[in-house]
Protein backbone atom coordinates (compact mmCIF):
# COMPACT_ATOMS: atom_id res chain seq x y z
CA MET A 1 -26.98 -23.03 -37.69
CA ILE A 2 -27.61 -19.27 -37.64
CA HIS A 3 -26.25 -18.91 -34.10
CA LYS A 4 -23.19 -21.01 -34.93
CA ILE A 5 -22.33 -18.84 -37.94
CA ALA A 6 -23.08 -15.65 -35.97
CA GLY A 7 -20.67 -16.85 -33.27
CA GLU A 8 -18.02 -17.48 -35.91
CA GLY A 9 -18.58 -13.98 -37.31
CA PHE A 10 -18.19 -12.48 -33.86
CA ALA A 11 -15.00 -14.48 -33.21
CA LEU A 12 -13.56 -13.39 -36.55
CA ALA A 13 -14.32 -9.74 -35.85
CA GLN A 14 -12.82 -9.96 -32.34
CA THR A 15 -9.57 -11.51 -33.52
CA ALA A 16 -9.02 -10.06 -37.00
CA PHE A 17 -10.13 -6.53 -36.14
CA LYS A 18 -8.75 -6.11 -32.60
CA GLU A 19 -7.98 -2.41 -33.02
CA ALA A 20 -11.30 -1.55 -34.68
CA GLY A 21 -14.23 -0.05 -32.83
CA GLY A 22 -17.35 -1.96 -31.88
CA GLU A 23 -19.43 -0.79 -34.84
CA ARG A 24 -16.74 -1.84 -37.34
CA LYS A 25 -16.46 -5.25 -35.68
CA LEU A 26 -20.23 -5.64 -35.86
CA GLN A 27 -20.26 -4.79 -39.58
CA GLU A 28 -17.48 -7.31 -40.26
CA ALA A 29 -19.32 -10.01 -38.28
CA LEU A 30 -22.56 -9.23 -40.16
CA GLN A 31 -20.81 -9.43 -43.51
CA TYR A 32 -19.13 -12.76 -42.70
CA ALA A 33 -22.32 -14.32 -41.32
CA SER A 34 -24.47 -13.03 -44.16
CA LEU A 35 -22.12 -14.32 -46.88
CA THR A 36 -21.62 -17.68 -45.15
CA LEU A 37 -25.35 -18.27 -44.60
CA SER A 38 -26.33 -17.19 -48.11
CA SER A 39 -23.68 -19.51 -49.61
CA GLN A 40 -25.46 -22.36 -47.81
CA GLY A 41 -28.85 -21.23 -49.06
CA ILE A 42 -30.03 -19.89 -45.70
CA VAL A 43 -31.92 -16.60 -45.89
CA VAL A 44 -31.97 -14.51 -42.71
CA SER A 45 -33.01 -10.90 -42.11
CA GLN A 46 -30.35 -8.41 -41.03
CA VAL A 47 -32.20 -7.86 -37.73
CA GLU A 48 -32.21 -11.60 -36.94
CA LEU A 49 -28.57 -11.92 -37.92
CA ARG A 50 -27.58 -8.89 -35.83
CA SER A 51 -29.43 -10.25 -32.80
CA ALA A 52 -27.60 -13.58 -33.13
CA ILE A 53 -24.24 -11.76 -33.26
CA GLU A 54 -25.21 -9.59 -30.28
CA LYS A 55 -26.11 -12.76 -28.38
CA ALA A 56 -22.68 -14.22 -29.17
CA TYR A 57 -21.12 -11.00 -27.88
CA LEU A 58 -23.09 -11.11 -24.61
CA GLU A 59 -22.18 -14.78 -24.06
CA TYR A 60 -18.53 -13.91 -24.66
CA LYS A 61 -18.68 -11.07 -22.12
CA ALA A 62 -20.35 -13.32 -19.54
CA LYS A 63 -17.69 -16.03 -19.96
CA THR A 64 -14.87 -13.48 -19.81
CA LYS A 65 -16.29 -11.93 -16.64
CA THR A 66 -16.62 -15.36 -14.99
CA MET A 67 -13.06 -16.31 -15.96
CA LEU A 68 -11.68 -13.06 -14.55
CA ALA A 69 -13.56 -13.55 -11.30
CA THR A 70 -12.26 -17.09 -10.78
CA GLU A 71 -8.71 -16.06 -11.66
CA ALA A 72 -8.83 -13.22 -9.13
CA GLU A 73 -9.49 -15.52 -6.17
CA PRO A 74 -6.18 -17.45 -6.29
CA ASN A 75 -4.32 -14.20 -6.89
CA GLU A 76 -5.96 -12.75 -3.79
CA ASP A 77 -4.76 -15.72 -1.73
CA ALA A 78 -1.27 -15.30 -3.14
CA ALA A 79 -1.34 -11.60 -2.29
CA GLN A 80 -2.34 -12.37 1.30
CA ALA A 81 0.48 -14.91 1.61
CA ALA A 82 2.93 -12.35 0.22
CA VAL A 83 1.77 -9.79 2.78
CA LYS A 84 2.26 -12.30 5.61
CA ASP A 85 5.76 -13.10 4.35
CA ALA A 86 6.59 -9.42 4.08
CA LEU A 87 5.36 -8.75 7.62
CA SER A 88 7.40 -11.64 8.98
CA SER A 89 10.47 -10.36 7.19
CA LEU A 90 9.85 -6.84 8.47
CA ALA A 91 9.47 -8.09 12.05
CA ALA A 92 12.76 -9.98 11.79
CA LYS A 93 14.51 -6.88 10.45
CA VAL A 94 13.08 -4.68 13.23
CA THR A 95 14.26 -7.20 15.82
CA ALA A 96 17.73 -7.26 14.26
CA ILE A 97 17.93 -3.47 14.26
CA LEU A 98 16.81 -3.28 17.90
CA THR A 99 19.34 -5.93 18.87
CA GLN A 100 22.10 -4.07 17.08
CA ALA A 101 21.13 -0.72 18.60
CA THR A 102 20.66 -1.84 22.20
CA GLY A 103 22.81 -4.93 22.45
CA PRO A 104 21.74 -8.57 22.65
CA ASP A 105 20.95 -8.44 26.39
CA ALA A 106 18.38 -5.66 26.00
CA THR A 107 16.06 -7.65 23.77
CA GLU A 108 16.43 -10.95 25.58
CA SER A 109 14.86 -9.78 28.84
CA THR A 110 11.75 -7.69 29.00
CA VAL A 111 11.75 -7.54 32.83
CA PRO A 112 13.15 -4.19 33.99
CA GLU A 113 16.12 -4.35 36.30
CA THR A 114 15.71 -2.95 39.83
CA HIS A 115 18.61 -1.25 41.52
CA GLN A 116 19.00 -1.29 45.29
CA ASP A 117 20.44 1.81 46.88
CA THR A 118 23.36 0.79 49.18
CA ALA A 119 24.19 4.25 50.46
CA PRO A 120 23.40 4.88 54.15
CA ALA A 121 20.22 6.77 54.92
CA PRO A 122 20.69 10.34 56.07
CA GLN A 123 20.26 11.04 59.81
CA ALA A 124 17.43 13.17 61.08
CA ASN A 125 16.58 14.63 64.49
CA VAL A 126 13.13 14.00 65.80
CA THR A 127 12.24 15.89 68.91
CA GLY A 128 15.81 15.87 69.98
CA VAL A 129 16.43 12.17 69.19
CA ALA A 130 18.85 11.12 66.48
CA VAL A 131 17.62 8.38 64.18
CA GLU A 132 19.94 6.36 62.03
């Protein structure tokens, strides 16, 4: 019963005193738990009551940390998918820009064209003999 009431005191302090500091929240939780327990005829020392509230706080932090960790995983997958989409979009835009800048034929073929020289070779004299 003590831990249940201490948890309620912690929850009250967390929600009703959001802007307050930790010490103020602790005092409010202690006051709530102490009044509630004494109204039910349960006598508890302040040290025992404080330790029960601190335990509720630690359990809350552990649950919050676990929830944040599990929520981060799907967001990480979504971020990776968004990066892939962005890269695909960027690649398409780069291709479009290259096509526009160089013409559609330049990006279709990656094999360089070879040009054959059709001009006649110059003549040279070798030991008095003309070669064509």
